[in-house]
Amino acid sequence: MKPGNMKKNKSNGKLKEYGIFIVLLTICSIYSTAFKSYKGGPRPPWVAPTAASAVANPLKGNVSATDAGKKTYTTYCVVCHGNKGKGDGLAASGLQVQPADHSSAKVQAQQDGALFWKMSEGRSPMPPYKGVLNETQRWQLVNYIRTLAKH
């Protein structure tokens, strides 16, 4: 491969990551705007179905899956949930409903299957990721979210 082509591939990769970031920021903004128009009472707790909570994580304990989850988290989740998962990402201040604190005892107490289901299905302002990330990527994210309890 020619040196010029390597530089071009790197810049294309950065451009793609930047584009994904902009798309996610736009989606979060749209979901947030839609939710701001909601005038109902307090939101009910977000509880995954019992059957979803009972699903076992096929990648539990897999270090390379956790490392891959960190990369996916950085690309898709940091914008709202922040670098350490505290719910303080760049887009968080513009959301009517604050993003979950992934390092909190409340999140960490949930079953892996529940976290997988929530990221798959979404709930405004969080979009559903089942059409964006494959199953393996979502399980990798669950693994990485588990590491945030230590931060």
N, C-alpha and C. Protein backbone atom coordinates (compact mmCIF):
# COMPACT_ATOMS: atom_id res chain seq x y z
N MET A 1 0.85 -1.17 0.00
CA MET A 1 0.00 0.00 0.00
C MET A 1 0.90 1.24 0.00
N LYS A 2 0.57 2.21 -0.78
CA LYS A 2 1.35 3.43 -0.87
C LYS A 2 1.15 4.27 0.39
N PRO A 3 2.18 5.03 0.82
CA PRO A 3 2.06 5.87 2.02
C PRO A 3 0.90 6.85 1.93
N GLY A 4 0.64 7.39 0.79
CA GLY A 4 -0.47 8.33 0.62
C GLY A 4 -1.82 7.67 0.89
N ASN A 5 -1.94 6.38 0.49
CA ASN A 5 -3.18 5.65 0.71
C ASN A 5 -3.40 5.37 2.20
N MET A 6 -2.31 5.10 2.94
CA MET A 6 -2.44 4.85 4.38
C MET A 6 -2.96 6.10 5.08
N LYS A 7 -2.44 7.25 4.70
CA LYS A 7 -2.88 8.51 5.30
C LYS A 7 -4.35 8.75 4.98
N LYS A 8 -4.74 8.45 3.73
CA LYS A 8 -6.12 8.63 3.30
C LYS A 8 -7.05 7.71 4.09
N ASN A 9 -6.65 6.43 4.32
CA ASN A 9 -7.46 5.49 5.09
C ASN A 9 -7.63 5.95 6.53
N LYS A 10 -6.57 6.49 7.14
CA LYS A 10 -6.66 7.00 8.51
C LYS A 10 -7.62 8.18 8.59
N SER A 11 -7.53 9.09 7.63
CA SER A 11 -8.42 10.25 7.67
C SER A 11 -9.86 9.84 7.39
N ASN A 12 -10.07 8.83 6.54
CA ASN A 12 -11.42 8.33 6.31
C ASN A 12 -12.00 7.72 7.58
N GLY A 13 -11.17 7.00 8.35
CA GLY A 13 -11.61 6.41 9.61
C GLY A 13 -12.01 7.48 10.61
N LYS A 14 -11.21 8.53 10.72
CA LYS A 14 -11.52 9.64 11.64
C LYS A 14 -12.80 10.33 11.19
N LEU A 15 -12.96 10.52 9.89
CA LEU A 15 -14.15 11.15 9.36
C LEU A 15 -15.38 10.31 9.67
N LYS A 16 -15.26 9.00 9.54
CA LYS A 16 -16.37 8.10 9.84
C LYS A 16 -16.74 8.19 11.32
N GLU A 17 -15.73 8.18 12.23
CA GLU A 17 -16.01 8.30 13.67
C GLU A 17 -16.68 9.63 13.98
N TYR A 18 -16.21 10.70 13.37
CA TYR A 18 -16.80 12.02 13.58
C TYR A 18 -18.25 12.02 13.09
N GLY A 19 -18.49 11.40 11.95
CA GLY A 19 -19.85 11.32 11.41
C GLY A 19 -20.78 10.55 12.32
N ILE A 20 -20.30 9.44 12.89
CA ILE A 20 -21.10 8.66 13.83
C ILE A 20 -21.44 9.50 15.05
N PHE A 21 -20.46 10.25 15.55
CA PHE A 21 -20.66 11.12 16.71
C PHE A 21 -21.75 12.15 16.41
N ILE A 22 -21.70 12.78 15.26
CA ILE A 22 -22.69 13.80 14.88
C ILE A 22 -24.08 13.17 14.76
N VAL A 23 -24.16 12.01 14.16
CA VAL A 23 -25.45 11.32 14.02
C VAL A 23 -26.04 11.00 15.39
N LEU A 24 -25.22 10.48 16.30
CA LEU A 24 -25.71 10.15 17.65
C LEU A 24 -26.14 11.40 18.40
N LEU A 25 -25.38 12.47 18.28
CA LEU A 25 -25.74 13.72 18.94
C LEU A 25 -27.08 14.23 18.40
N THR A 26 -27.28 14.10 17.10
CA THR A 26 -28.54 14.51 16.48
C THR A 26 -29.70 13.65 16.97
N ILE A 27 -29.49 12.35 17.04
CA ILE A 27 -30.54 11.44 17.52
C ILE A 27 -30.91 11.77 18.96
N CYS A 28 -29.90 11.98 19.80
CA CYS A 28 -30.17 12.34 21.20
C CYS A 28 -30.96 13.64 21.28
N SER A 29 -30.61 14.59 20.45
CA SER A 29 -31.30 15.88 20.44
C SER A 29 -32.76 15.72 20.01
N ILE A 30 -33.00 14.91 18.99
CA ILE A 30 -34.36 14.68 18.51
C ILE A 30 -35.18 13.98 19.59
N TYR A 31 -34.63 12.94 20.20
CA TYR A 31 -35.34 12.23 21.26
C TYR A 31 -35.62 13.15 22.44
N SER A 32 -34.64 13.98 22.77
CA SER A 32 -34.81 14.91 23.89
C SER A 32 -35.92 15.91 23.60
N THR A 33 -35.93 16.45 22.39
CA THR A 33 -36.96 17.40 22.01
C THR A 33 -38.34 16.76 22.05
N ALA A 34 -38.43 15.53 21.58
CA ALA A 34 -39.72 14.83 21.61
C ALA A 34 -40.17 14.61 23.04
N PHE A 35 -39.25 14.28 23.93
CA PHE A 35 -39.63 14.03 25.31
C PHE A 35 -39.99 15.31 26.04
N LYS A 36 -39.36 16.43 25.69
CA LYS A 36 -39.67 17.71 26.34
C LYS A 36 -41.12 18.11 26.12
N SER A 37 -41.70 17.66 25.01
CA SER A 37 -43.09 18.00 24.74
C SER A 37 -44.06 17.15 25.54
N TYR A 38 -43.56 16.11 26.18
CA TYR A 38 -44.39 15.23 27.00
C TYR A 38 -44.78 15.96 28.28
N LYS A 39 -46.05 16.02 28.57
CA LYS A 39 -46.54 16.77 29.74
C LYS A 39 -47.13 15.86 30.80
N GLY A 40 -46.90 14.59 30.70
CA GLY A 40 -47.44 13.66 31.67
C GLY A 40 -46.75 13.79 33.03
N GLY A 41 -47.10 12.92 33.93
CA GLY A 41 -46.53 12.93 35.26
C GLY A 41 -45.11 12.38 35.24
N PRO A 42 -44.62 12.06 36.41
CA PRO A 42 -43.26 11.52 36.49
C PRO A 42 -43.13 10.22 35.70
N ARG A 43 -41.96 10.01 35.17
CA ARG A 43 -41.71 8.80 34.40
C ARG A 43 -41.71 7.59 35.33
N PRO A 44 -42.34 6.53 34.88
CA PRO A 44 -42.27 5.30 35.68
C PRO A 44 -40.85 4.73 35.62
N PRO A 45 -40.47 3.95 36.61
CA PRO A 45 -39.13 3.34 36.56
C PRO A 45 -38.98 2.49 35.31
N TRP A 46 -37.77 2.43 34.82
CA TRP A 46 -37.47 1.64 33.63
C TRP A 46 -37.00 0.27 34.08
N VAL A 47 -37.88 -0.69 33.96
CA VAL A 47 -37.59 -2.05 34.41
C VAL A 47 -37.66 -2.99 33.21
N ALA A 48 -36.60 -3.75 33.05
CA ALA A 48 -36.58 -4.73 31.96
C ALA A 48 -37.52 -5.89 32.30
N PRO A 49 -38.11 -6.50 31.30
CA PRO A 49 -38.94 -7.68 31.56
C PRO A 49 -38.14 -8.77 32.26
N THR A 50 -38.80 -9.53 33.09
CA THR A 50 -38.15 -10.61 33.85
C THR A 50 -37.39 -11.57 32.94
N ALA A 51 -38.01 -11.92 31.83
CA ALA A 51 -37.36 -12.85 30.90
C ALA A 51 -36.08 -12.26 30.32
N ALA A 52 -36.09 -10.97 30.04
CA ALA A 52 -34.89 -10.31 29.50
C ALA A 52 -33.79 -10.27 30.56
N SER A 53 -34.17 -9.97 31.79
CA SER A 53 -33.20 -9.90 32.89
C SER A 53 -32.52 -11.25 33.12
N ALA A 54 -33.24 -12.31 32.86
CA ALA A 54 -32.73 -13.66 33.11
C ALA A 54 -31.75 -14.15 32.05
N VAL A 55 -31.62 -13.44 30.94
CA VAL A 55 -30.72 -13.87 29.87
C VAL A 55 -29.27 -13.73 30.35
N ALA A 56 -28.52 -14.80 30.21
CA ALA A 56 -27.12 -14.81 30.65
C ALA A 56 -26.22 -14.13 29.62
N ASN A 57 -25.21 -13.46 30.10
CA ASN A 57 -24.23 -12.79 29.25
C ASN A 57 -23.25 -13.84 28.70
N PRO A 58 -23.27 -14.09 27.40
CA PRO A 58 -22.38 -15.10 26.82
C PRO A 58 -20.91 -14.68 26.83
N LEU A 59 -20.63 -13.41 27.09
CA LEU A 59 -19.25 -12.90 27.07
C LEU A 59 -18.74 -12.53 28.46
N LYS A 60 -19.48 -12.88 29.48
CA LYS A 60 -19.10 -12.52 30.84
C LYS A 60 -17.68 -13.01 31.14
N GLY A 61 -16.86 -12.10 31.65
CA GLY A 61 -15.49 -12.45 32.01
C GLY A 61 -14.50 -12.45 30.85
N ASN A 62 -14.95 -12.19 29.66
CA ASN A 62 -14.09 -12.19 28.48
C ASN A 62 -13.40 -10.82 28.37
N VAL A 63 -12.10 -10.80 28.67
CA VAL A 63 -11.35 -9.54 28.71
C VAL A 63 -11.29 -8.85 27.36
N SER A 64 -11.10 -9.60 26.28
CA SER A 64 -11.04 -8.97 24.96
C SER A 64 -12.40 -8.39 24.57
N ALA A 65 -13.47 -9.03 25.00
CA ALA A 65 -14.81 -8.48 24.74
C ALA A 65 -15.01 -7.18 25.50
N THR A 66 -14.50 -7.13 26.72
CA THR A 66 -14.61 -5.91 27.53
C THR A 66 -13.81 -4.78 26.88
N ASP A 67 -12.63 -5.08 26.37
CA ASP A 67 -11.82 -4.07 25.68
C ASP A 67 -12.54 -3.55 24.43
N ALA A 68 -13.16 -4.45 23.70
CA ALA A 68 -13.94 -4.04 22.52
C ALA A 68 -15.13 -3.20 22.94
N GLY A 69 -15.75 -3.55 24.08
CA GLY A 69 -16.87 -2.78 24.61
C GLY A 69 -16.47 -1.36 24.94
N LYS A 70 -15.26 -1.18 25.44
CA LYS A 70 -14.78 0.17 25.76
C LYS A 70 -14.70 1.02 24.49
N LYS A 71 -14.22 0.44 23.41
CA LYS A 71 -14.13 1.17 22.14
C LYS A 71 -15.52 1.56 21.65
N THR A 72 -16.46 0.63 21.74
CA THR A 72 -17.83 0.92 21.32
C THR A 72 -18.45 1.97 22.22
N TYR A 73 -18.21 1.88 23.51
CA TYR A 73 -18.73 2.86 24.48
C TYR A 73 -18.22 4.26 24.14
N THR A 74 -16.94 4.35 23.82
CA THR A 74 -16.34 5.64 23.47
C THR A 74 -17.00 6.22 22.23
N THR A 75 -17.33 5.39 21.29
CA THR A 75 -17.94 5.86 20.05
C THR A 75 -19.41 6.23 20.22
N TYR A 76 -20.18 5.41 20.93
CA TYR A 76 -21.62 5.58 20.97
C TYR A 76 -22.20 6.13 22.27
N CYS A 77 -21.54 5.93 23.39
CA CYS A 77 -22.17 6.21 24.68
C CYS A 77 -21.61 7.43 25.41
N VAL A 78 -20.35 7.72 25.19
CA VAL A 78 -19.68 8.80 25.92
C VAL A 78 -20.38 10.14 25.72
N VAL A 79 -20.92 10.38 24.56
CA VAL A 79 -21.55 11.68 24.28
C VAL A 79 -22.65 12.01 25.30
N CYS A 80 -23.36 11.02 25.78
CA CYS A 80 -24.40 11.26 26.79
C CYS A 80 -23.98 10.82 28.19
N HIS A 81 -23.34 9.66 28.28
CA HIS A 81 -23.03 9.07 29.58
C HIS A 81 -21.68 9.52 30.14
N GLY A 82 -20.83 10.15 29.34
CA GLY A 82 -19.54 10.63 29.81
C GLY A 82 -18.47 9.56 29.80
N ASN A 83 -17.21 10.02 29.90
CA ASN A 83 -16.05 9.12 29.84
C ASN A 83 -16.04 8.07 30.94
N LYS A 84 -16.54 8.41 32.09
CA LYS A 84 -16.53 7.47 33.22
C LYS A 84 -17.92 6.92 33.51
N GLY A 85 -18.87 7.18 32.60
CA GLY A 85 -20.21 6.62 32.73
C GLY A 85 -21.07 7.29 33.77
N LYS A 86 -20.72 8.49 34.20
CA LYS A 86 -21.43 9.17 35.29
C LYS A 86 -22.72 9.86 34.83
N GLY A 87 -23.01 9.82 33.52
CA GLY A 87 -24.21 10.50 33.01
C GLY A 87 -23.96 11.97 32.75
N ASP A 88 -22.69 12.34 32.61
CA ASP A 88 -22.31 13.74 32.47
C ASP A 88 -21.62 14.04 31.13
N GLY A 89 -22.05 13.36 30.09
CA GLY A 89 -21.45 13.57 28.77
C GLY A 89 -21.82 14.93 28.19
N LEU A 90 -21.20 15.26 27.09
CA LEU A 90 -21.38 16.54 26.42
C LEU A 90 -22.85 16.85 26.13
N ALA A 91 -23.62 15.86 25.72
CA ALA A 91 -25.03 16.09 25.37
C ALA A 91 -25.97 16.03 26.57
N ALA A 92 -25.49 15.58 27.72
CA ALA A 92 -26.36 15.36 28.88
C ALA A 92 -27.08 16.62 29.33
N SER A 93 -26.42 17.75 29.30
CA SER A 93 -27.04 18.98 29.80
C SER A 93 -28.23 19.43 28.96
N GLY A 94 -28.30 18.98 27.72
CA GLY A 94 -29.41 19.36 26.85
C GLY A 94 -30.58 18.40 26.89
N LEU A 95 -30.48 17.37 27.71
CA LEU A 95 -31.54 16.37 27.76
C LEU A 95 -32.49 16.62 28.92
N GLN A 96 -33.76 16.45 28.68
CA GLN A 96 -34.78 16.59 29.72
C GLN A 96 -34.59 15.53 30.80
N VAL A 97 -34.29 14.34 30.38
CA VAL A 97 -34.05 13.22 31.29
C VAL A 97 -32.55 12.96 31.26
N GLN A 98 -31.92 13.01 32.42
CA GLN A 98 -30.48 12.82 32.48
C GLN A 98 -30.12 11.36 32.21
N PRO A 99 -29.02 11.14 31.50
CA PRO A 99 -28.57 9.78 31.23
C PRO A 99 -28.23 9.04 32.52
N ALA A 100 -28.36 7.75 32.48
CA ALA A 100 -28.04 6.93 33.64
C ALA A 100 -26.56 7.05 34.01
N ASP A 101 -26.30 6.95 35.30
CA ASP A 101 -24.94 6.89 35.81
C ASP A 101 -24.55 5.42 35.86
N HIS A 102 -23.79 4.99 34.89
CA HIS A 102 -23.43 3.57 34.78
C HIS A 102 -22.54 3.09 35.92
N SER A 103 -21.93 4.00 36.64
CA SER A 103 -21.09 3.61 37.77
C SER A 103 -21.89 3.46 39.06
N SER A 104 -23.16 3.85 39.02
CA SER A 104 -23.99 3.84 40.23
C SER A 104 -24.37 2.43 40.67
N ALA A 105 -24.65 2.30 41.96
CA ALA A 105 -25.08 1.01 42.51
C ALA A 105 -26.39 0.57 41.86
N LYS A 106 -27.25 1.52 41.52
CA LYS A 106 -28.54 1.20 40.90
C LYS A 106 -28.35 0.49 39.55
N VAL A 107 -27.46 1.00 38.75
CA VAL A 107 -27.20 0.38 37.44
C VAL A 107 -26.43 -0.91 37.63
N GLN A 108 -25.42 -0.89 38.46
CA GLN A 108 -24.58 -2.07 38.66
C GLN A 108 -25.35 -3.24 39.28
N ALA A 109 -26.43 -2.96 39.99
CA ALA A 109 -27.24 -4.02 40.62
C ALA A 109 -28.12 -4.75 39.61
N GLN A 110 -28.30 -4.18 38.43
CA GLN A 110 -29.15 -4.81 37.42
C GLN A 110 -28.45 -6.01 36.80
N GLN A 111 -29.24 -6.97 36.39
CA GLN A 111 -28.71 -8.15 35.72
C GLN A 111 -28.15 -7.75 34.35
N ASP A 112 -27.16 -8.51 33.88
CA ASP A 112 -26.59 -8.25 32.56
C ASP A 112 -27.67 -8.24 31.48
N GLY A 113 -28.59 -9.20 31.57
CA GLY A 113 -29.67 -9.28 30.58
C GLY A 113 -30.54 -8.03 30.57
N ALA A 114 -30.75 -7.42 31.73
CA ALA A 114 -31.55 -6.19 31.81
C ALA A 114 -30.82 -5.04 31.12
N LEU A 115 -29.53 -4.92 31.36
CA LEU A 115 -28.76 -3.86 30.70
C LEU A 115 -28.74 -4.06 29.19
N PHE A 116 -28.57 -5.30 28.77
CA PHE A 116 -28.58 -5.63 27.35
C PHE A 116 -29.92 -5.25 26.72
N TRP A 117 -31.01 -5.60 27.39
CA TRP A 117 -32.35 -5.30 26.89
C TRP A 117 -32.57 -3.79 26.79
N LYS A 118 -32.16 -3.05 27.81
CA LYS A 118 -32.37 -1.60 27.81
C LYS A 118 -31.61 -0.93 26.68
N MET A 119 -30.35 -1.31 26.46
CA MET A 119 -29.61 -0.68 25.37
C MET A 119 -30.15 -1.12 24.01
N SER A 120 -30.72 -2.31 23.96
CA SER A 120 -31.31 -2.80 22.71
C SER A 120 -32.60 -2.06 22.37
N GLU A 121 -33.45 -1.89 23.36
CA GLU A 121 -34.78 -1.30 23.14
C GLU A 121 -34.80 0.22 23.23
N GLY A 122 -33.96 0.80 24.09
CA GLY A 122 -33.94 2.25 24.27
C GLY A 122 -35.20 2.76 24.96
N ARG A 123 -35.11 3.97 25.44
CA ARG A 123 -36.24 4.69 26.02
C ARG A 123 -35.87 6.16 25.97
N SER A 124 -36.70 6.94 25.34
CA SER A 124 -36.41 8.34 25.10
C SER A 124 -35.87 9.02 26.36
N PRO A 125 -34.79 9.73 26.23
CA PRO A 125 -34.11 10.18 25.02
C PRO A 125 -33.06 9.21 24.47
N MET A 126 -32.87 8.06 25.10
CA MET A 126 -31.89 7.11 24.59
C MET A 126 -32.49 6.31 23.44
N PRO A 127 -31.81 6.32 22.29
CA PRO A 127 -32.33 5.56 21.16
C PRO A 127 -32.09 4.06 21.34
N PRO A 128 -32.86 3.24 20.63
CA PRO A 128 -32.60 1.80 20.66
C PRO A 128 -31.36 1.48 19.83
N TYR A 129 -30.52 0.61 20.34
CA TYR A 129 -29.29 0.28 19.64
C TYR A 129 -29.32 -1.08 18.97
N LYS A 130 -30.45 -1.79 19.01
CA LYS A 130 -30.49 -3.11 18.37
C LYS A 130 -30.35 -3.02 16.85
N GLY A 131 -30.68 -1.90 16.27
CA GLY A 131 -30.51 -1.72 14.83
C GLY A 131 -29.18 -1.10 14.46
N VAL A 132 -28.40 -0.69 15.46
CA VAL A 132 -27.13 -0.01 15.23
C VAL A 132 -25.95 -0.93 15.56
N LEU A 133 -26.08 -1.62 16.69
CA LEU A 133 -25.02 -2.51 17.17
C LEU A 133 -25.50 -3.95 17.14
N ASN A 134 -24.63 -4.86 16.76
CA ASN A 134 -25.04 -6.27 16.75
C ASN A 134 -25.05 -6.81 18.18
N GLU A 135 -25.54 -8.03 18.36
CA GLU A 135 -25.65 -8.62 19.71
C GLU A 135 -24.31 -8.68 20.42
N THR A 136 -23.30 -9.08 19.71
CA THR A 136 -21.98 -9.19 20.33
C THR A 136 -21.52 -7.83 20.85
N GLN A 137 -21.68 -6.79 20.07
CA GLN A 137 -21.27 -5.46 20.49
C GLN A 137 -22.04 -5.01 21.74
N ARG A 138 -23.32 -5.34 21.79
CA ARG A 138 -24.12 -4.94 22.97
C ARG A 138 -23.70 -5.71 24.21
N TRP A 139 -23.36 -6.99 24.08
CA TRP A 139 -22.85 -7.74 25.23
C TRP A 139 -21.48 -7.21 25.64
N GLN A 140 -20.68 -6.82 24.67
CA GLN A 140 -19.38 -6.22 24.99
C GLN A 140 -19.58 -4.93 25.80
N LEU A 141 -20.59 -4.16 25.43
CA LEU A 141 -20.89 -2.95 26.18
C LEU A 141 -21.29 -3.27 27.62
N VAL A 142 -22.08 -4.30 27.80
CA VAL A 142 -22.47 -4.72 29.16
C VAL A 142 -21.20 -5.03 29.96
N ASN A 143 -20.28 -5.76 29.36
CA ASN A 143 -19.03 -6.07 30.05
C ASN A 143 -18.30 -4.80 30.45
N TYR A 144 -18.21 -3.85 29.53
CA TYR A 144 -17.49 -2.61 29.83
C TYR A 144 -18.22 -1.80 30.91
N ILE A 145 -19.53 -1.73 30.84
CA ILE A 145 -20.29 -0.99 31.86
C ILE A 145 -19.99 -1.56 33.26
N ARG A 146 -19.78 -2.84 33.36
CA ARG A 146 -19.42 -3.46 34.65
C ARG A 146 -18.11 -2.91 35.20
N THR A 147 -17.20 -2.51 34.33
CA THR A 147 -15.91 -1.98 34.81
C THR A 147 -16.06 -0.57 35.36
N LEU A 148 -17.13 0.12 35.03
CA LEU A 148 -17.30 1.51 35.45
C LEU A 148 -17.62 1.63 36.94
N ALA A 149 -18.03 0.54 37.56
CA ALA A 149 -18.32 0.56 39.00
C ALA A 149 -17.05 0.88 39.79
N LYS A 150 -15.93 0.61 39.22
CA LYS A 150 -14.65 0.80 39.91
C LYS A 150 -14.14 2.23 39.82
N HIS A 151 -14.77 3.05 38.97
CA HIS A 151 -14.28 4.43 38.77
C HIS A 151 -14.97 5.40 39.69
